Amino acid sequence: FYPGKAGGAFVKQYEQAGLADKLPLYTVFTIDSIALPKLQQAKMKAVLGSLNTQFWGPDLDTPQNHQFVSGFKKKYGRYPSFYAAQSYDSVFLIKSAVEAVGGNLADMDGMRAAMEKADFPSVRGSFSYG
């Protein structure tokens, strides 16, 4: 479910209608580490136990994810968002390609091949395209 900006209002109405006890709430972008604190401050209990179907979560049990989440929390004092995880992975993907061509950024075919191989330590675990 993608309610966009109306996500908070939707969760509030979902709770007021008594649906939280009858129908599980599956979301992608409604309840994440950015929105969750705000929804909790608004005392929206329906967010507890909701199911998130994003491609990443801060509790994903991979060595790279543990390092990423702990470093992010230490620096910013909060959990990272999935946008941060995506950006973090992007940097490591590019870094792996640059290393594969020995720093020769003019080797576009080599860069492309290395990026397609996607041989990097992803916060999401094993990574591949398609």
N, C-alpha and C. Protein backbone atom coordinates (compact mmCIF):
# COMPACT_ATOMS: atom_id res chain seq x y z
N PHE A 1 0.84 -1.18 0.00
CA PHE A 1 0.00 0.00 0.00
C PHE A 1 0.88 1.24 0.00
N TYR A 2 0.61 2.19 -0.87
CA TYR A 2 1.40 3.41 -1.01
C TYR A 2 0.52 4.65 -0.81
N PRO A 3 0.28 5.08 0.42
CA PRO A 3 -0.58 6.25 0.59
C PRO A 3 0.14 7.58 0.41
N GLY A 4 1.45 7.56 0.27
CA GLY A 4 2.19 8.81 0.10
C GLY A 4 2.10 9.69 1.32
N LYS A 5 1.91 10.97 1.08
CA LYS A 5 1.88 11.97 2.15
C LYS A 5 0.74 11.72 3.15
N ALA A 6 -0.30 11.05 2.70
CA ALA A 6 -1.46 10.79 3.56
C ALA A 6 -1.28 9.56 4.44
N GLY A 7 -0.06 9.00 4.48
CA GLY A 7 0.19 7.79 5.25
C GLY A 7 -0.21 7.88 6.70
N GLY A 8 0.16 8.96 7.37
CA GLY A 8 -0.21 9.13 8.78
C GLY A 8 -1.71 9.17 8.97
N ALA A 9 -2.40 9.91 8.12
CA ALA A 9 -3.87 9.99 8.21
C ALA A 9 -4.49 8.62 7.95
N PHE A 10 -3.93 7.88 7.00
CA PHE A 10 -4.46 6.55 6.71
C PHE A 10 -4.31 5.64 7.92
N VAL A 11 -3.12 5.62 8.54
CA VAL A 11 -2.89 4.76 9.70
C VAL A 11 -3.84 5.14 10.83
N LYS A 12 -4.05 6.43 11.02
CA LYS A 12 -4.96 6.90 12.07
C LYS A 12 -6.39 6.40 11.80
N GLN A 13 -6.85 6.52 10.57
CA GLN A 13 -8.19 6.07 10.21
C GLN A 13 -8.30 4.54 10.27
N TYR A 14 -7.25 3.86 9.88
CA TYR A 14 -7.19 2.40 9.96
C TYR A 14 -7.39 1.96 11.41
N GLU A 15 -6.71 2.66 12.32
CA GLU A 15 -6.81 2.36 13.74
C GLU A 15 -8.20 2.71 14.27
N GLN A 16 -8.71 3.90 13.94
CA GLN A 16 -10.02 4.34 14.42
C GLN A 16 -11.14 3.42 13.95
N ALA A 17 -10.98 2.83 12.77
CA ALA A 17 -12.00 1.93 12.23
C ALA A 17 -11.95 0.54 12.87
N GLY A 18 -10.97 0.32 13.75
CA GLY A 18 -10.84 -0.96 14.41
C GLY A 18 -10.25 -2.06 13.54
N LEU A 19 -9.62 -1.67 12.46
CA LEU A 19 -9.07 -2.66 11.53
C LEU A 19 -7.78 -3.31 12.03
N ALA A 20 -7.08 -2.64 12.93
CA ALA A 20 -5.79 -3.15 13.40
C ALA A 20 -5.92 -4.54 14.02
N ASP A 21 -7.06 -4.83 14.63
CA ASP A 21 -7.27 -6.13 15.26
C ASP A 21 -7.83 -7.17 14.29
N LYS A 22 -8.25 -6.73 13.10
CA LYS A 22 -8.92 -7.63 12.17
C LYS A 22 -8.15 -7.89 10.88
N LEU A 23 -7.38 -6.92 10.45
CA LEU A 23 -6.74 -6.99 9.14
C LEU A 23 -5.29 -6.52 9.26
N PRO A 24 -4.32 -7.39 8.93
CA PRO A 24 -2.92 -6.95 9.05
C PRO A 24 -2.62 -5.80 8.08
N LEU A 25 -1.75 -4.92 8.52
CA LEU A 25 -1.35 -3.77 7.70
C LEU A 25 0.00 -4.07 7.07
N TYR A 26 0.01 -4.18 5.75
CA TYR A 26 1.24 -4.38 4.98
C TYR A 26 1.57 -3.06 4.30
N THR A 27 2.79 -2.59 4.48
CA THR A 27 3.18 -1.33 3.87
C THR A 27 4.54 -1.45 3.22
N VAL A 28 4.86 -0.49 2.38
CA VAL A 28 6.20 -0.41 1.80
C VAL A 28 6.87 0.87 2.27
N PHE A 29 6.27 2.01 2.01
CA PHE A 29 6.89 3.28 2.35
C PHE A 29 6.16 4.04 3.45
N THR A 30 5.06 3.50 3.97
CA THR A 30 4.27 4.21 4.97
C THR A 30 4.96 4.22 6.33
N ILE A 31 5.44 3.06 6.75
CA ILE A 31 6.05 2.94 8.07
C ILE A 31 7.48 2.48 7.88
N ASP A 32 8.40 3.40 8.08
CA ASP A 32 9.83 3.10 7.98
C ASP A 32 10.53 3.84 9.11
N SER A 33 11.84 3.81 9.13
CA SER A 33 12.58 4.43 10.23
C SER A 33 12.47 5.95 10.24
N ILE A 34 12.02 6.54 9.15
CA ILE A 34 11.79 7.99 9.13
C ILE A 34 10.42 8.31 9.72
N ALA A 35 9.40 7.57 9.29
CA ALA A 35 8.03 7.84 9.71
C ALA A 35 7.69 7.27 11.08
N LEU A 36 8.28 6.13 11.44
CA LEU A 36 7.90 5.44 12.67
C LEU A 36 7.94 6.32 13.92
N PRO A 37 9.02 7.05 14.19
CA PRO A 37 9.03 7.89 15.39
C PRO A 37 7.88 8.91 15.41
N LYS A 38 7.56 9.47 14.26
CA LYS A 38 6.47 10.45 14.19
C LYS A 38 5.12 9.79 14.46
N LEU A 39 4.92 8.61 13.90
CA LEU A 39 3.67 7.88 14.11
C LEU A 39 3.55 7.44 15.56
N GLN A 40 4.67 7.05 16.18
CA GLN A 40 4.65 6.66 17.59
C GLN A 40 4.36 7.87 18.49
N GLN A 41 4.95 9.02 18.17
CA GLN A 41 4.68 10.24 18.94
C GLN A 41 3.21 10.62 18.86
N ALA A 42 2.59 10.33 17.72
CA ALA A 42 1.17 10.63 17.55
C ALA A 42 0.30 9.54 18.20
N LYS A 43 0.94 8.62 18.90
CA LYS A 43 0.29 7.53 19.62
C LYS A 43 -0.58 6.65 18.72
N MET A 44 -0.09 6.39 17.53
CA MET A 44 -0.78 5.51 16.61
C MET A 44 -0.31 4.08 16.86
N LYS A 45 -1.08 3.36 17.64
CA LYS A 45 -0.70 2.01 18.04
C LYS A 45 -0.76 1.01 16.89
N ALA A 46 -1.50 1.33 15.85
CA ALA A 46 -1.65 0.40 14.72
C ALA A 46 -0.34 0.14 14.00
N VAL A 47 0.65 1.01 14.19
CA VAL A 47 1.93 0.78 13.52
C VAL A 47 2.67 -0.40 14.14
N LEU A 48 2.38 -0.68 15.41
CA LEU A 48 3.02 -1.81 16.08
C LEU A 48 2.46 -3.11 15.50
N GLY A 49 3.33 -3.94 15.03
CA GLY A 49 2.90 -5.20 14.44
C GLY A 49 2.58 -5.11 12.95
N SER A 50 2.70 -3.92 12.39
CA SER A 50 2.48 -3.81 10.94
C SER A 50 3.64 -4.50 10.23
N LEU A 51 3.39 -4.93 9.02
CA LEU A 51 4.39 -5.67 8.26
C LEU A 51 4.92 -4.81 7.12
N ASN A 52 6.23 -4.74 7.04
CA ASN A 52 6.88 -3.90 6.04
C ASN A 52 7.44 -4.79 4.95
N THR A 53 7.18 -4.45 3.71
CA THR A 53 7.63 -5.28 2.59
C THR A 53 8.76 -4.64 1.80
N GLN A 54 9.55 -3.81 2.46
CA GLN A 54 10.68 -3.17 1.78
C GLN A 54 11.80 -4.18 1.54
N PHE A 55 12.74 -3.79 0.72
CA PHE A 55 13.85 -4.67 0.37
C PHE A 55 14.94 -4.71 1.44
N TRP A 56 14.81 -3.89 2.46
CA TRP A 56 15.85 -3.81 3.48
C TRP A 56 15.23 -3.41 4.81
N GLY A 57 15.84 -3.82 5.89
CA GLY A 57 15.45 -3.40 7.23
C GLY A 57 16.68 -3.32 8.11
N PRO A 58 16.66 -2.46 9.13
CA PRO A 58 17.84 -2.28 9.97
C PRO A 58 18.21 -3.51 10.78
N ASP A 59 17.30 -4.45 10.94
CA ASP A 59 17.59 -5.66 11.71
C ASP A 59 17.99 -6.85 10.83
N LEU A 60 18.21 -6.61 9.54
CA LEU A 60 18.66 -7.66 8.63
C LEU A 60 20.02 -8.18 9.12
N ASP A 61 20.14 -9.47 9.26
CA ASP A 61 21.31 -10.07 9.89
C ASP A 61 22.41 -10.40 8.88
N THR A 62 23.14 -9.36 8.45
CA THR A 62 24.32 -9.55 7.61
C THR A 62 25.46 -8.74 8.24
N PRO A 63 26.70 -9.19 8.09
CA PRO A 63 27.82 -8.44 8.67
C PRO A 63 27.87 -6.99 8.18
N GLN A 64 27.68 -6.78 6.88
CA GLN A 64 27.75 -5.43 6.32
C GLN A 64 26.63 -4.56 6.89
N ASN A 65 25.45 -5.14 7.08
CA ASN A 65 24.33 -4.37 7.61
C ASN A 65 24.57 -3.98 9.07
N HIS A 66 25.12 -4.90 9.85
CA HIS A 66 25.44 -4.58 11.25
C HIS A 66 26.40 -3.40 11.31
N GLN A 67 27.43 -3.44 10.48
CA GLN A 67 28.42 -2.36 10.44
C GLN A 67 27.77 -1.05 10.01
N PHE A 68 26.95 -1.10 8.98
CA PHE A 68 26.27 0.09 8.47
C PHE A 68 25.34 0.69 9.51
N VAL A 69 24.48 -0.12 10.10
CA VAL A 69 23.49 0.39 11.06
C VAL A 69 24.17 0.95 12.30
N SER A 70 25.15 0.23 12.84
CA SER A 70 25.82 0.73 14.05
C SER A 70 26.58 2.02 13.77
N GLY A 71 27.24 2.11 12.62
CA GLY A 71 27.95 3.34 12.26
C GLY A 71 27.01 4.51 12.05
N PHE A 72 25.88 4.24 11.42
CA PHE A 72 24.89 5.29 11.16
C PHE A 72 24.30 5.79 12.48
N LYS A 73 23.93 4.84 13.36
CA LYS A 73 23.35 5.23 14.65
C LYS A 73 24.34 6.02 15.49
N LYS A 74 25.60 5.63 15.44
CA LYS A 74 26.63 6.34 16.20
C LYS A 74 26.77 7.78 15.71
N LYS A 75 26.74 7.96 14.39
CA LYS A 75 26.93 9.29 13.82
C LYS A 75 25.68 10.17 13.92
N TYR A 76 24.50 9.59 13.67
CA TYR A 76 23.28 10.40 13.57
C TYR A 76 22.30 10.21 14.72
N GLY A 77 22.55 9.24 15.59
CA GLY A 77 21.69 9.04 16.75
C GLY A 77 20.32 8.47 16.43
N ARG A 78 20.17 7.83 15.29
CA ARG A 78 18.89 7.22 14.90
C ARG A 78 19.16 6.09 13.91
N TYR A 79 18.13 5.32 13.66
CA TYR A 79 18.25 4.25 12.67
C TYR A 79 18.28 4.84 11.26
N PRO A 80 19.01 4.20 10.36
CA PRO A 80 19.01 4.67 8.97
C PRO A 80 17.71 4.30 8.26
N SER A 81 17.40 5.03 7.22
CA SER A 81 16.25 4.72 6.38
C SER A 81 16.67 3.76 5.27
N PHE A 82 15.70 3.22 4.57
CA PHE A 82 16.05 2.36 3.44
C PHE A 82 16.70 3.17 2.33
N TYR A 83 16.42 4.48 2.29
CA TYR A 83 17.10 5.35 1.32
C TYR A 83 18.60 5.39 1.62
N ALA A 84 18.93 5.47 2.91
CA ALA A 84 20.34 5.48 3.31
C ALA A 84 21.01 4.15 2.96
N ALA A 85 20.31 3.05 3.18
CA ALA A 85 20.87 1.73 2.85
C ALA A 85 21.10 1.60 1.35
N GLN A 86 20.17 2.10 0.58
CA GLN A 86 20.29 2.06 -0.88
C GLN A 86 21.50 2.88 -1.34
N SER A 87 21.67 4.05 -0.75
CA SER A 87 22.80 4.91 -1.09
C SER A 87 24.12 4.27 -0.70
N TYR A 88 24.14 3.67 0.48
CA TYR A 88 25.34 3.01 0.98
C TYR A 88 25.75 1.89 0.02
N ASP A 89 24.78 1.07 -0.38
CA ASP A 89 25.07 0.00 -1.34
C ASP A 89 25.55 0.55 -2.67
N SER A 90 24.97 1.65 -3.12
CA SER A 90 25.38 2.24 -4.41
C SER A 90 26.85 2.63 -4.40
N VAL A 91 27.30 3.20 -3.29
CA VAL A 91 28.70 3.60 -3.18
C VAL A 91 29.60 2.37 -3.25
N PHE A 92 29.23 1.29 -2.56
CA PHE A 92 30.06 0.08 -2.59
C PHE A 92 30.03 -0.59 -3.96
N LEU A 93 28.91 -0.51 -4.67
CA LEU A 93 28.84 -1.05 -6.03
C LEU A 93 29.81 -0.30 -6.94
N ILE A 94 29.78 1.02 -6.89
CA ILE A 94 30.67 1.84 -7.72
C ILE A 94 32.13 1.61 -7.32
N LYS A 95 32.38 1.54 -6.02
CA LYS A 95 33.74 1.28 -5.53
C LYS A 95 34.27 -0.05 -6.07
N SER A 96 33.43 -1.08 -6.07
CA SER A 96 33.88 -2.39 -6.57
C SER A 96 34.23 -2.32 -8.06
N ALA A 97 33.48 -1.53 -8.81
CA ALA A 97 33.76 -1.39 -10.25
C ALA A 97 35.06 -0.62 -10.47
N VAL A 98 35.27 0.45 -9.71
CA VAL A 98 36.51 1.24 -9.84
C VAL A 98 37.72 0.37 -9.50
N GLU A 99 37.60 -0.43 -8.45
CA GLU A 99 38.71 -1.32 -8.08
C GLU A 99 38.94 -2.39 -9.15
N ALA A 100 37.86 -2.89 -9.76
CA ALA A 100 37.99 -3.93 -10.79
C ALA A 100 38.75 -3.45 -12.02
N VAL A 101 38.66 -2.15 -12.32
CA VAL A 101 39.38 -1.61 -13.49
C VAL A 101 40.68 -0.93 -13.05
N GLY A 102 41.09 -1.18 -11.82
CA GLY A 102 42.34 -0.61 -11.33
C GLY A 102 42.34 0.91 -11.30
N GLY A 103 41.18 1.50 -11.11
CA GLY A 103 41.08 2.96 -11.06
C GLY A 103 41.02 3.63 -12.42
N ASN A 104 41.06 2.86 -13.49
CA ASN A 104 41.02 3.42 -14.84
C ASN A 104 39.56 3.70 -15.24
N LEU A 105 39.08 4.88 -14.90
CA LEU A 105 37.69 5.24 -15.16
C LEU A 105 37.38 5.39 -16.64
N ALA A 106 38.41 5.47 -17.47
CA ALA A 106 38.20 5.53 -18.92
C ALA A 106 37.79 4.17 -19.48
N ASP A 107 38.02 3.11 -18.71
CA ASP A 107 37.65 1.76 -19.14
C ASP A 107 36.16 1.54 -18.88
N MET A 108 35.35 2.13 -19.73
CA MET A 108 33.90 2.07 -19.56
C MET A 108 33.34 0.65 -19.69
N ASP A 109 33.90 -0.14 -20.60
CA ASP A 109 33.43 -1.52 -20.75
C ASP A 109 33.74 -2.32 -19.48
N GLY A 110 34.93 -2.11 -18.93
CA GLY A 110 35.31 -2.78 -17.69
C GLY A 110 34.44 -2.33 -16.51
N MET A 111 34.16 -1.04 -16.44
CA MET A 111 33.29 -0.51 -15.38
C MET A 111 31.90 -1.14 -15.50
N ARG A 112 31.38 -1.14 -16.70
CA ARG A 112 30.04 -1.69 -16.93
C ARG A 112 29.99 -3.18 -16.54
N ALA A 113 30.99 -3.93 -16.98
CA ALA A 113 31.03 -5.36 -16.67
C ALA A 113 31.13 -5.59 -15.16
N ALA A 114 31.94 -4.79 -14.49
CA ALA A 114 32.10 -4.94 -13.04
C ALA A 114 30.81 -4.58 -12.30
N MET A 115 30.13 -3.54 -12.78
CA MET A 115 28.87 -3.15 -12.13
C MET A 115 27.79 -4.20 -12.37
N GLU A 116 27.80 -4.82 -13.54
CA GLU A 116 26.84 -5.89 -13.82
C GLU A 116 27.12 -7.12 -12.96
N LYS A 117 28.39 -7.35 -12.66
CA LYS A 117 28.77 -8.48 -11.80
C LYS A 117 28.29 -8.24 -10.37
N ALA A 118 28.29 -7.00 -9.94
CA ALA A 118 27.80 -6.61 -8.61
C ALA A 118 28.48 -7.41 -7.49
N ASP A 119 29.80 -7.43 -7.52
CA ASP A 119 30.57 -8.15 -6.51
C ASP A 119 30.99 -7.17 -5.42
N PHE A 120 30.10 -6.95 -4.47
CA PHE A 120 30.39 -6.01 -3.38
C PHE A 120 29.64 -6.46 -2.13
N PRO A 121 30.08 -6.01 -0.95
CA PRO A 121 29.43 -6.41 0.30
C PRO A 121 28.16 -5.58 0.54
N SER A 122 27.02 -6.08 0.12
CA SER A 122 25.75 -5.36 0.25
C SER A 122 25.19 -5.47 1.66
N VAL A 123 24.53 -4.41 2.11
CA VAL A 123 23.84 -4.46 3.40
C VAL A 123 22.66 -5.43 3.34
N ARG A 124 22.23 -5.77 2.14
CA ARG A 124 21.09 -6.67 1.95
C ARG A 124 21.51 -8.13 1.81
N GLY A 125 22.80 -8.40 1.92
CA GLY A 125 23.28 -9.76 1.74
C GLY A 125 23.70 -9.99 0.31
N SER A 126 23.49 -11.19 -0.18
CA SER A 126 23.86 -11.52 -1.56
C SER A 126 23.05 -10.66 -2.52
N PHE A 127 23.74 -10.01 -3.46
CA PHE A 127 23.08 -9.07 -4.36
C PHE A 127 23.28 -9.51 -5.80
N SER A 128 22.23 -9.43 -6.59
CA SER A 128 22.34 -9.65 -8.03
C SER A 128 21.20 -8.91 -8.71
N TYR A 129 21.36 -8.64 -9.99
CA TYR A 129 20.33 -7.96 -10.76
C TYR A 129 19.33 -8.97 -11.30
N GLY A 130 18.09 -8.49 -11.47
CA GLY A 130 17.06 -9.30 -12.13
C GLY A 130 16.52 -10.34 -11.25
